[in-house]
Protein backbone atom coordinates (compact mmCIF):
# COMPACT_ATOMS: atom_id res chain seq x y z
CA MET A 1 0.00 0.00 0.00
CA ASN A 2 3.17 2.16 0.03
CA GLY A 3 2.00 4.42 2.83
CA GLN A 4 -0.43 6.27 0.55
CA PRO A 5 -3.92 6.99 1.90
CA THR A 6 -6.47 4.34 1.04
CA PRO A 7 -9.77 5.18 -0.70
CA LYS A 8 -11.55 4.69 2.63
CA GLN A 9 -9.24 7.15 4.39
CA LEU A 10 -10.09 9.67 1.66
CA GLY A 11 -13.83 9.17 2.14
CA TYR A 12 -14.57 7.03 -0.92
CA TYR A 13 -17.01 4.12 -0.90
CA PHE A 14 -18.56 1.64 -3.32
CA PRO A 15 -22.29 2.47 -3.69
CA ALA A 16 -25.04 -0.12 -3.82
CA GLU A 17 -26.17 -1.27 -7.27
CA PHE A 18 -29.56 0.41 -6.74
CA HIS A 19 -27.78 3.79 -6.45
CA PRO A 20 -28.33 5.78 -9.71
CA HIS A 21 -25.97 4.92 -12.57
CA VAL A 22 -24.27 7.04 -15.21
CA ALA A 23 -23.61 3.91 -17.23
CA THR A 24 -23.31 0.15 -17.34
CA TRP A 25 -20.03 -1.35 -18.53
CA LEU A 26 -19.90 -4.51 -20.64
CA SER A 27 -17.22 -6.46 -22.50
CA TRP A 28 -18.57 -7.78 -25.80
CA PRO A 29 -18.63 -11.62 -25.77
CA HIS A 30 -16.21 -13.13 -28.27
CA LYS A 31 -14.52 -16.09 -26.56
CA GLU A 32 -15.78 -19.20 -28.32
CA ALA A 33 -14.45 -21.43 -25.52
CA SER A 34 -16.82 -19.82 -23.01
CA TRP A 35 -19.84 -20.88 -25.09
CA PRO A 36 -18.45 -23.89 -27.01
CA GLY A 37 -20.32 -24.34 -30.26
CA LYS A 38 -23.04 -21.83 -29.41
CA ILE A 39 -21.64 -18.33 -28.92
CA ASP A 40 -23.80 -17.03 -31.79
CA SER A 41 -26.91 -18.17 -29.94
CA ILE A 42 -26.35 -15.76 -27.03
CA TYR A 43 -26.34 -12.51 -29.00
CA PRO A 44 -30.14 -12.05 -29.28
CA GLN A 45 -30.61 -12.21 -25.49
CA TYR A 46 -27.44 -10.23 -24.84
CA CYS A 47 -28.69 -7.46 -27.13
CA GLN A 48 -32.10 -7.55 -25.45
CA PHE A 49 -30.28 -6.92 -22.16
CA ILE A 50 -28.53 -3.91 -23.72
CA LYS A 51 -31.82 -2.66 -25.14
CA TYR A 52 -33.28 -2.42 -21.64
CA LEU A 53 -30.13 -0.84 -20.21
CA ALA A 54 -30.07 1.84 -22.93
CA GLN A 55 -33.57 2.99 -21.97
CA SER A 56 -32.25 4.62 -18.79
CA GLU A 57 -28.46 4.90 -18.91
CA ILE A 58 -25.40 4.88 -21.16
CA VAL A 59 -24.04 1.47 -22.13
CA ARG A 60 -20.24 1.42 -22.42
CA ILE A 61 -18.87 -1.61 -24.24
CA ASN A 62 -15.27 -2.81 -24.39
CA VAL A 63 -14.42 -4.29 -27.83
CA ASN A 64 -11.18 -5.70 -29.21
CA ASP A 65 -11.04 -3.67 -32.42
CA GLU A 66 -13.07 -1.83 -35.07
CA ALA A 67 -14.18 -5.10 -36.66
CA MET A 68 -15.73 -6.25 -33.38
CA LYS A 69 -17.38 -2.85 -32.94
CA THR A 70 -18.96 -3.17 -36.41
CA PHE A 71 -20.11 -6.72 -35.60
CA ALA A 72 -21.62 -5.57 -32.30
CA MET A 73 -23.37 -2.58 -33.86
CA ARG A 74 -25.00 -4.81 -36.45
CA HIS A 75 -26.43 -7.06 -33.74
CA LEU A 76 -27.56 -4.10 -31.63
CA ARG A 77 -29.21 -2.39 -34.60
CA ASN A 78 -31.06 -5.60 -35.48
CA ALA A 79 -32.32 -5.79 -31.89
CA GLY A 80 -33.65 -2.22 -32.01
CA VAL A 81 -31.20 -0.85 -29.44
CA ASN A 82 -30.98 2.93 -29.14
CA LEU A 83 -27.40 3.33 -30.40
CA ASP A 84 -27.32 6.96 -29.24
CA LYS A 85 -26.91 5.54 -25.73
CA VAL A 86 -24.11 3.08 -26.62
CA GLU A 87 -20.42 3.97 -26.45
CA PHE A 88 -17.60 1.68 -27.61
CA PHE A 89 -14.06 1.53 -26.26
CA ILE A 90 -11.20 -0.27 -28.01
CA HIS A 91 -10.12 -2.15 -24.88
CA PRO A 92 -9.17 -5.72 -25.88
CA THR A 93 -10.45 -8.41 -23.51
CA ASN A 94 -10.00 -12.12 -23.02
CA ASP A 95 -13.61 -12.80 -22.06
CA ALA A 96 -17.00 -11.21 -21.39
CA TRP A 97 -17.32 -11.24 -17.59
CA CYS A 98 -17.14 -7.52 -16.88
CA ARG A 99 -18.48 -7.86 -13.32
CA ASP A 100 -15.22 -9.54 -12.38
CA HIS A 101 -12.63 -7.80 -14.56
CA GLY A 102 -14.30 -4.40 -14.90
CA PRO A 103 -13.61 -1.29 -12.82
CA ALA A 104 -14.80 -0.89 -9.24
CA PHE A 105 -16.04 2.72 -9.12
CA LEU A 106 -15.92 4.40 -5.72
CA ILE A 107 -17.41 7.82 -5.02
CA ASN A 108 -17.04 10.67 -2.55
CA PRO A 109 -19.46 13.52 -3.28
CA ALA A 110 -17.53 15.86 -0.94
CA ALA A 111 -14.15 15.36 -2.63
CA GLU A 112 -12.74 17.49 -5.41
CA GLN A 113 -12.19 14.27 -7.41
CA LYS A 114 -15.60 12.71 -6.87
CA LYS A 115 -14.98 9.31 -8.49
CA VAL A 116 -12.03 6.90 -8.43
CA ILE A 117 -11.38 3.38 -9.71
CA VAL A 118 -10.00 0.39 -7.86
CA ASP A 119 -8.18 -2.07 -10.11
CA TRP A 120 -7.98 -5.36 -8.22
CA ASN A 121 -5.79 -8.12 -9.61
CA TYR A 122 -7.71 -10.68 -11.66
CA ASN A 123 -6.75 -14.31 -12.31
CA ALA A 124 -9.88 -15.80 -13.98
CA TRP A 125 -11.28 -17.39 -10.80
CA GLY A 126 -8.15 -19.00 -9.49
CA GLY A 127 -6.29 -19.40 -12.77
CA LYS A 128 -8.98 -21.64 -14.34
CA TYR A 129 -9.17 -19.98 -17.77
CA PRO A 130 -5.90 -18.50 -19.03
CA PRO A 131 -5.02 -16.19 -20.61
CA PHE A 132 -6.50 -13.33 -18.59
CA ASP A 133 -3.83 -10.63 -19.00
CA LYS A 134 -6.04 -8.34 -21.11
CA ASP A 135 -8.97 -8.57 -18.69
CA ASP A 136 -6.67 -7.81 -15.78
CA ILE A 137 -5.81 -4.29 -17.03
CA ILE A 138 -9.30 -3.16 -18.14
CA PRO A 139 -9.99 -0.95 -15.07
CA THR A 140 -6.71 0.93 -15.52
CA LEU A 141 -7.44 1.53 -19.23
CA ILE A 142 -10.83 2.96 -18.29
CA GLY A 143 -9.25 5.14 -15.61
CA GLN A 144 -6.74 6.48 -18.13
CA HIS A 145 -9.49 7.24 -20.66
CA PHE A 146 -11.55 9.25 -18.16
CA GLN A 147 -8.51 10.63 -16.30
CA LEU A 148 -9.63 9.08 -13.02
CA PRO A 149 -7.24 8.07 -10.24
CA VAL A 150 -6.72 4.28 -10.14
CA TYR A 151 -5.83 2.35 -6.98
CA HIS A 152 -4.05 -1.03 -7.16
CA PRO A 153 -4.52 -3.05 -3.97
CA GLY A 154 -2.37 -5.84 -5.42
CA ILE A 155 -4.61 -8.77 -4.45
CA ILE A 156 -7.15 -10.90 -6.32
CA MET A 157 -10.78 -9.77 -6.07
CA GLU A 158 -13.83 -10.20 -8.32
CA GLY A 159 -16.91 -8.01 -8.48
CA GLY A 160 -19.26 -10.98 -8.39
CA SER A 161 -17.83 -12.11 -5.05
CA VAL A 162 -18.98 -9.04 -3.12
CA GLU A 163 -22.41 -7.47 -2.53
CA PHE A 164 -23.03 -4.01 -1.02
CA ASN A 165 -25.87 -2.21 0.75
CA GLY A 166 -24.32 1.25 0.22
CA LYS A 167 -24.41 1.92 4.00
CA GLY A 168 -21.16 0.37 5.09
CA THR A 169 -21.93 -3.34 4.78
CA LEU A 170 -20.41 -5.88 2.39
CA LEU A 171 -21.70 -9.45 2.05
CA THR A 172 -19.49 -12.25 0.72
CA SER A 173 -18.91 -16.00 0.77
CA ALA A 174 -16.08 -17.88 2.47
CA CYS A 175 -16.05 -20.61 -0.18
CA CYS A 176 -14.86 -18.05 -2.74
CA LEU A 177 -12.87 -15.35 -0.95
CA LEU A 178 -11.02 -17.75 1.34
CA ASN A 179 -10.28 -20.23 -1.43
CA GLU A 180 -6.54 -20.92 -1.60
CA ASN A 181 -6.57 -20.22 -5.37
CA ARG A 182 -7.17 -16.50 -4.76
CA ASN A 183 -4.98 -14.98 -2.04
CA PRO A 184 -3.31 -17.84 -0.16
CA HIS A 185 -0.94 -15.43 1.60
CA LEU A 186 -3.81 -13.64 3.37
CA ASN A 187 -5.86 -14.79 6.34
CA LYS A 188 -9.48 -13.78 6.84
CA GLN A 189 -8.65 -10.75 8.98
CA GLN A 190 -6.06 -9.44 6.49
CA LEU A 191 -8.54 -9.90 3.64
CA GLU A 192 -11.19 -7.98 5.56
CA THR A 193 -8.75 -5.09 5.97
CA TYR A 194 -8.27 -4.91 2.19
CA LEU A 195 -12.05 -4.99 1.64
CA GLN A 196 -12.60 -2.20 4.13
CA ASP A 197 -9.75 -0.04 2.85
CA PHE A 198 -10.44 -0.38 -0.88
CA TYR A 199 -14.26 -0.61 -0.94
CA GLY A 200 -14.79 2.00 1.79
CA ILE A 201 -16.94 -0.18 4.02
CA GLU A 202 -17.21 -0.85 7.77
CA GLN A 203 -18.67 -4.33 8.11
CA ILE A 204 -18.21 -7.67 6.35
CA LEU A 205 -20.88 -10.37 6.66
CA TRP A 206 -19.89 -13.92 5.64
CA VAL A 207 -21.93 -16.87 4.44
CA ASP A 208 -20.29 -20.22 3.77
CA GLU A 209 -21.67 -21.52 0.51
CA GLY A 210 -22.22 -20.98 -3.22
CA ILE A 211 -24.32 -23.03 -5.65
CA VAL A 212 -23.39 -26.23 -7.43
CA GLY A 213 -21.93 -25.74 -10.91
CA ASP A 214 -20.52 -22.30 -10.16
CA ASP A 215 -16.95 -22.29 -11.49
CA THR A 216 -16.19 -19.09 -9.54
CA ASP A 217 -16.09 -21.17 -6.32
CA GLY A 218 -19.30 -19.62 -5.08
CA HIS A 219 -19.85 -15.98 -6.00
CA ILE A 220 -22.37 -14.17 -3.82
CA ASP A 221 -24.18 -12.73 -6.90
CA ASP A 222 -25.62 -16.20 -7.56
CA THR A 223 -27.01 -16.59 -4.05
CA ILE A 224 -27.71 -13.40 -2.05
CA ARG A 225 -28.44 -9.84 -3.19
CA PHE A 226 -29.23 -6.60 -1.38
CA VAL A 227 -32.45 -5.00 -2.64
CA ASN A 228 -32.22 -2.08 -0.19
CA GLU A 229 -29.93 -1.20 2.70
CA ASP A 230 -31.40 -3.75 5.13
CA THR A 231 -33.10 -6.38 2.91
CA VAL A 232 -31.64 -9.30 0.99
CA LEU A 233 -33.06 -11.80 -1.45
CA THR A 234 -31.53 -15.24 -0.94
CA VAL A 235 -32.06 -18.28 -3.13
CA VAL A 236 -33.39 -21.46 -1.54
CA GLU A 237 -34.00 -24.92 -2.99
CA SER A 238 -37.31 -26.59 -2.08
CA ASN A 239 -36.35 -30.06 -3.30
CA LYS A 240 -34.59 -31.75 -0.36
CA THR A 241 -32.88 -34.24 -2.68
CA ASP A 242 -31.28 -31.50 -4.78
CA GLU A 243 -27.56 -31.00 -4.12
CA ASN A 244 -28.13 -27.27 -3.52
CA TYR A 245 -30.66 -27.82 -0.73
CA ASP A 246 -28.31 -28.14 2.27
CA LEU A 247 -25.87 -25.49 0.98
CA LEU A 248 -28.59 -22.87 0.65
CA GLN A 249 -30.20 -23.79 3.98
CA GLN A 250 -26.83 -23.18 5.63
CA ASN A 251 -26.66 -19.69 4.07
CA LEU A 252 -30.24 -19.01 5.19
CA ARG A 253 -29.44 -19.93 8.79
CA GLN A 254 -26.42 -17.63 8.76
CA LEU A 255 -28.34 -14.71 7.26
CA LYS A 256 -30.99 -14.96 9.99
CA GLN A 257 -28.28 -14.52 12.65
CA MET A 258 -26.74 -11.42 11.06
CA ARG A 259 -27.00 -7.87 12.36
CA LEU A 260 -26.26 -4.68 10.45
CA LEU A 261 -24.14 -1.79 11.75
CA ASP A 262 -27.13 -0.24 13.52
CA GLY A 263 -27.88 -3.54 15.27
CA LYS A 264 -30.88 -4.27 13.05
CA GLN A 265 -31.58 -7.80 11.95
CA LEU A 266 -31.25 -8.40 8.23
CA ASN A 267 -34.61 -8.64 6.48
CA VAL A 268 -34.36 -11.93 4.56
CA ILE A 269 -36.67 -12.75 1.62
CA GLU A 270 -36.50 -16.21 0.06
CA LEU A 271 -36.23 -16.60 -3.72
CA PRO A 272 -36.78 -19.99 -5.36
CA MET A 273 -34.19 -21.72 -7.52
CA PRO A 274 -35.02 -22.63 -11.13
CA ASP A 275 -35.15 -26.26 -12.19
CA ALA A 276 -31.67 -27.67 -12.65
CA VAL A 277 -30.23 -26.61 -16.02
CA VAL A 278 -27.98 -29.34 -17.38
CA PHE A 279 -26.07 -29.25 -20.65
CA GLU A 280 -23.89 -32.13 -21.83
CA ASP A 281 -24.12 -33.71 -18.36
CA GLN A 282 -22.90 -30.53 -16.67
CA ARG A 283 -24.99 -28.80 -13.99
CA LEU A 284 -24.98 -25.09 -14.82
CA PRO A 285 -25.12 -22.31 -12.18
CA ALA A 286 -28.62 -21.16 -13.07
CA SER A 287 -30.00 -18.75 -10.46
CA TYR A 288 -32.57 -15.96 -10.40
CA ALA A 289 -30.25 -14.01 -8.04
CA ASN A 290 -27.96 -13.11 -10.94
CA PHE A 291 -30.22 -10.17 -11.86
CA TYR A 292 -28.92 -6.71 -12.73
CA ILE A 293 -30.41 -3.49 -11.31
CA SER A 294 -30.40 -0.64 -13.86
CA ASN A 295 -31.90 2.81 -13.36
CA LYS A 296 -35.37 1.78 -14.57
CA HIS A 297 -35.33 -2.02 -14.71
CA VAL A 298 -34.34 -5.14 -12.85
CA ILE A 299 -33.25 -7.58 -15.53
CA VAL A 300 -33.65 -11.17 -14.37
CA PRO A 301 -32.35 -14.36 -16.01
CA VAL A 302 -35.16 -16.87 -16.56
CA TYR A 303 -34.96 -20.50 -17.62
CA ASN A 304 -38.27 -21.64 -19.18
CA CYS A 305 -39.46 -23.33 -16.00
CA ASP A 306 -42.34 -23.15 -13.55
CA ASN A 307 -40.53 -20.98 -11.00
CA ASP A 308 -39.80 -18.18 -13.49
CA ASP A 309 -43.05 -16.32 -12.83
CA LYS A 310 -42.85 -16.85 -9.07
CA ALA A 311 -39.30 -15.46 -8.99
CA LEU A 312 -40.24 -12.43 -11.10
CA GLN A 313 -43.18 -11.73 -8.78
CA ILE A 314 -41.01 -11.89 -5.63
CA ILE A 315 -38.37 -9.62 -7.18
CA SER A 316 -41.09 -7.19 -8.36
CA GLU A 317 -42.35 -6.84 -4.80
CA CYS A 318 -38.83 -5.78 -3.73
CA PHE A 319 -38.44 -3.13 -6.44
CA LYS A 320 -41.59 -1.00 -6.52
CA ASP A 321 -39.72 1.79 -8.36
CA ARG A 322 -38.47 -0.34 -11.27
CA GLU A 323 -39.91 -2.58 -13.94
CA VAL A 324 -38.82 -6.19 -13.48
CA VAL A 325 -38.21 -8.02 -16.76
CA GLY A 326 -37.15 -11.60 -17.41
CA ILE A 327 -34.83 -12.51 -20.30
CA ASP A 328 -34.29 -16.13 -21.30
CA SER A 329 -30.85 -17.10 -20.06
CA THR A 330 -30.77 -20.78 -21.03
CA GLU A 331 -28.19 -20.10 -23.77
CA ILE A 332 -26.17 -17.50 -21.84
CA ILE A 333 -25.85 -19.70 -18.71
CA TRP A 334 -23.91 -22.25 -20.76
CA GLY A 335 -21.05 -19.75 -20.32
CA LEU A 336 -21.51 -20.28 -16.54
CA GLY A 337 -22.80 -16.79 -15.78
CA SER A 338 -25.66 -14.44 -16.59
CA PHE A 339 -26.62 -10.74 -16.66
CA HIS A 340 -25.02 -9.66 -13.40
CA CYS A 341 -21.77 -11.47 -14.23
CA LEU A 342 -21.66 -9.70 -17.60
CA SER A 343 -22.10 -6.14 -16.32
CA GLN A 344 -20.58 -3.54 -13.99
CA GLN A 345 -22.30 -0.32 -12.96
CA GLU A 346 -20.77 3.15 -13.01
CA PRO A 347 -22.49 5.29 -10.36
CA VAL A 348 -23.75 8.86 -10.59
CA VAL A 349 -21.99 11.22 -8.21
CA LYS A 350 -23.28 14.71 -7.49
């Protein structure tokens, strides 16, 4: 840390996703190996996602080159996206998962420089999918473009592994953050210090588990999401024979014991899981919790099953100020992530 003040010491913090956005950042999907044999099938739903985003905020898309920009624009035009709200950046990437390799924007409305970026190290979820060198530098490229200060904590961290209420609390999972393939040189207390210093938070709440099939080792954005400063949606499995049942019950028990900074109990709302989505004998990490909150919409992955409508209804009751829309994610989830994994918000700061 070189003795320089940390973002927290300078009054910066990472706002909740339901805080107003300037933009949503994406990295255009191009890695065939992430969707073997079917990458072309994801573009209609991906463009539908962008179409909703562009109704209420700018969409900023990292592309490898002009040819990819032209390819993307053709798909977006065909989907009826408002291209006036789309901006492209020639920032070459290895893969599409912008939640994890994209910039962490912190804000301090009282500072002269109201917005900064934290560029965590990135190793493709414990070195599973090399190469990842291009993804690893995306936040710094964005900082350079917008002339924003960029902080480099020097440890591995992914945006999908942390969830924020915007009031000093961060929620995460031990199965991911304490996995030896991330930061084996750090113990839990040392890791918490980094989270506090570089996300500008006061409190870290831990659950144990992620869902089966999640190659990130259990990102929190597949299981538990803040919908306001004291309420979370958490996925539960009703089928006791399903391999997710006990894992998610353990998380539920832990959430019910938690207290926020003001001593309040967490308000916990249960969200069903979709039917198991299996492709070529592989259980995929399908979850309704991987929704994305934009300025006007909550965009939810759905899976052509009976629980889709029930999940949309529960999420709608949590977001009275936004329209909740479901987009078929059965093709996208073959890449082992959905709309939240693909996106990273850039907050408004006044």
